[in-house]
Amino acid sequence: MTIRFSTNNLTPESGAPQDALIVTRFEQDHLFAGKTIKYLSFSF
C-alpha cells in the first residue's frame, strides 16, 4: 500500500488534490461545528 496524501486538517492550503477539496454538505456542517476533516488517499 502506498500513501498518496494524508492530512489531519483538509483545507485548500494543505496541498490536497483538487478533487479532495470539493466540500459536501456533511463536511460543511462538520467544519461549522469547529471540527477538522481528516483525509487519507492511498493505492495498492
N, C-alpha and C. Protein backbone atom coordinates (compact mmCIF):
# COMPACT_ATOMS: atom_id res chain seq x y z
N MET A 1 0.85 -1.16 0.00
CA MET A 1 0.00 0.00 0.00
C MET A 1 0.90 1.24 0.00
N THR A 2 0.54 2.20 -0.84
CA THR A 2 1.28 3.45 -0.93
C THR A 2 0.38 4.61 -0.53
N ILE A 3 0.81 5.40 0.43
CA ILE A 3 0.03 6.58 0.83
C ILE A 3 0.34 7.69 -0.16
N ARG A 4 -0.71 8.21 -0.80
CA ARG A 4 -0.54 9.29 -1.77
C ARG A 4 -0.63 10.66 -1.12
N PHE A 5 -1.56 10.80 -0.18
CA PHE A 5 -1.70 12.07 0.53
C PHE A 5 -2.41 11.83 1.84
N SER A 6 -1.98 12.53 2.88
CA SER A 6 -2.58 12.41 4.20
C SER A 6 -2.52 13.75 4.90
N THR A 7 -3.62 14.13 5.58
CA THR A 7 -3.63 15.36 6.36
C THR A 7 -4.62 15.24 7.50
N ASN A 8 -4.35 15.94 8.59
CA ASN A 8 -5.25 15.98 9.73
C ASN A 8 -6.22 17.15 9.67
N ASN A 9 -6.02 18.06 8.70
CA ASN A 9 -6.89 19.21 8.55
C ASN A 9 -6.98 19.57 7.07
N LEU A 10 -7.98 19.08 6.40
CA LEU A 10 -8.14 19.26 4.97
C LEU A 10 -8.61 20.68 4.66
N THR A 11 -7.71 21.48 4.09
CA THR A 11 -8.01 22.85 3.66
C THR A 11 -7.34 23.07 2.32
N PRO A 12 -7.72 24.13 1.59
CA PRO A 12 -7.03 24.41 0.33
C PRO A 12 -5.52 24.63 0.51
N GLU A 13 -5.12 25.09 1.68
CA GLU A 13 -3.71 25.33 1.96
C GLU A 13 -2.94 24.05 2.27
N SER A 14 -3.64 22.94 2.46
CA SER A 14 -2.98 21.69 2.85
C SER A 14 -2.27 21.00 1.69
N GLY A 15 -2.47 21.48 0.46
CA GLY A 15 -1.82 20.87 -0.68
C GLY A 15 -2.51 19.63 -1.20
N ALA A 16 -3.76 19.42 -0.81
CA ALA A 16 -4.52 18.24 -1.22
C ALA A 16 -4.89 18.34 -2.70
N PRO A 17 -5.14 17.19 -3.35
CA PRO A 17 -5.60 17.19 -4.73
C PRO A 17 -6.94 17.94 -4.85
N GLN A 18 -7.18 18.52 -6.00
CA GLN A 18 -8.39 19.32 -6.21
C GLN A 18 -9.68 18.56 -5.94
N ASP A 19 -9.75 17.28 -6.32
CA ASP A 19 -10.98 16.53 -6.10
C ASP A 19 -11.27 16.31 -4.61
N ALA A 20 -10.26 16.38 -3.76
CA ALA A 20 -10.47 16.22 -2.32
C ALA A 20 -11.02 17.49 -1.69
N LEU A 21 -10.91 18.60 -2.40
CA LEU A 21 -11.32 19.88 -1.84
C LEU A 21 -12.78 20.23 -2.12
N ILE A 22 -13.51 19.36 -2.79
CA ILE A 22 -14.94 19.57 -3.00
C ILE A 22 -15.64 19.31 -1.67
N VAL A 23 -16.32 20.34 -1.16
CA VAL A 23 -16.92 20.25 0.17
C VAL A 23 -18.39 19.85 0.07
N THR A 24 -18.74 18.75 0.73
CA THR A 24 -20.12 18.29 0.76
C THR A 24 -20.88 18.99 1.88
N ARG A 25 -22.18 18.83 1.90
CA ARG A 25 -22.99 19.45 2.96
C ARG A 25 -22.60 18.88 4.33
N PHE A 26 -22.33 17.58 4.38
CA PHE A 26 -21.90 16.95 5.63
C PHE A 26 -20.60 17.59 6.12
N GLU A 27 -19.67 17.80 5.20
CA GLU A 27 -18.39 18.41 5.57
C GLU A 27 -18.59 19.86 6.03
N GLN A 28 -19.48 20.60 5.38
CA GLN A 28 -19.77 21.97 5.79
C GLN A 28 -20.29 22.00 7.22
N ASP A 29 -21.21 21.11 7.54
CA ASP A 29 -21.75 21.03 8.90
C ASP A 29 -20.65 20.68 9.89
N HIS A 30 -19.78 19.76 9.50
CA HIS A 30 -18.67 19.33 10.35
C HIS A 30 -17.73 20.50 10.63
N LEU A 31 -17.38 21.25 9.59
CA LEU A 31 -16.49 22.41 9.75
C LEU A 31 -17.16 23.51 10.56
N PHE A 32 -18.46 23.73 10.33
CA PHE A 32 -19.20 24.75 11.06
C PHE A 32 -19.21 24.44 12.56
N ALA A 33 -19.17 23.17 12.91
CA ALA A 33 -19.14 22.75 14.31
C ALA A 33 -17.74 22.90 14.92
N GLY A 34 -16.78 23.41 14.13
CA GLY A 34 -15.44 23.64 14.64
C GLY A 34 -14.54 22.42 14.59
N LYS A 35 -14.95 21.40 13.86
CA LYS A 35 -14.15 20.18 13.76
C LYS A 35 -13.27 20.23 12.51
N THR A 36 -12.27 19.38 12.46
CA THR A 36 -11.41 19.30 11.28
C THR A 36 -11.78 18.06 10.47
N ILE A 37 -11.33 18.06 9.23
CA ILE A 37 -11.58 16.92 8.35
C ILE A 37 -10.25 16.20 8.13
N LYS A 38 -10.20 14.92 8.48
CA LYS A 38 -9.03 14.10 8.24
C LYS A 38 -9.18 13.48 6.85
N TYR A 39 -8.07 13.36 6.12
CA TYR A 39 -8.12 12.84 4.76
C TYR A 39 -6.93 11.92 4.52
N LEU A 40 -7.21 10.78 3.90
CA LEU A 40 -6.16 9.83 3.56
C LEU A 40 -6.44 9.26 2.17
N SER A 41 -5.46 9.35 1.30
CA SER A 41 -5.56 8.81 -0.05
C SER A 41 -4.43 7.79 -0.21
N PHE A 42 -4.79 6.59 -0.70
CA PHE A 42 -3.78 5.55 -0.85
C PHE A 42 -4.07 4.69 -2.06
N SER A 43 -3.09 3.93 -2.47
CA SER A 43 -3.26 2.98 -3.57
C SER A 43 -2.56 1.69 -3.22
N PHE A 44 -2.95 0.63 -3.90
CA PHE A 44 -2.33 -0.68 -3.68
C PHE A 44 -1.34 -0.98 -4.78
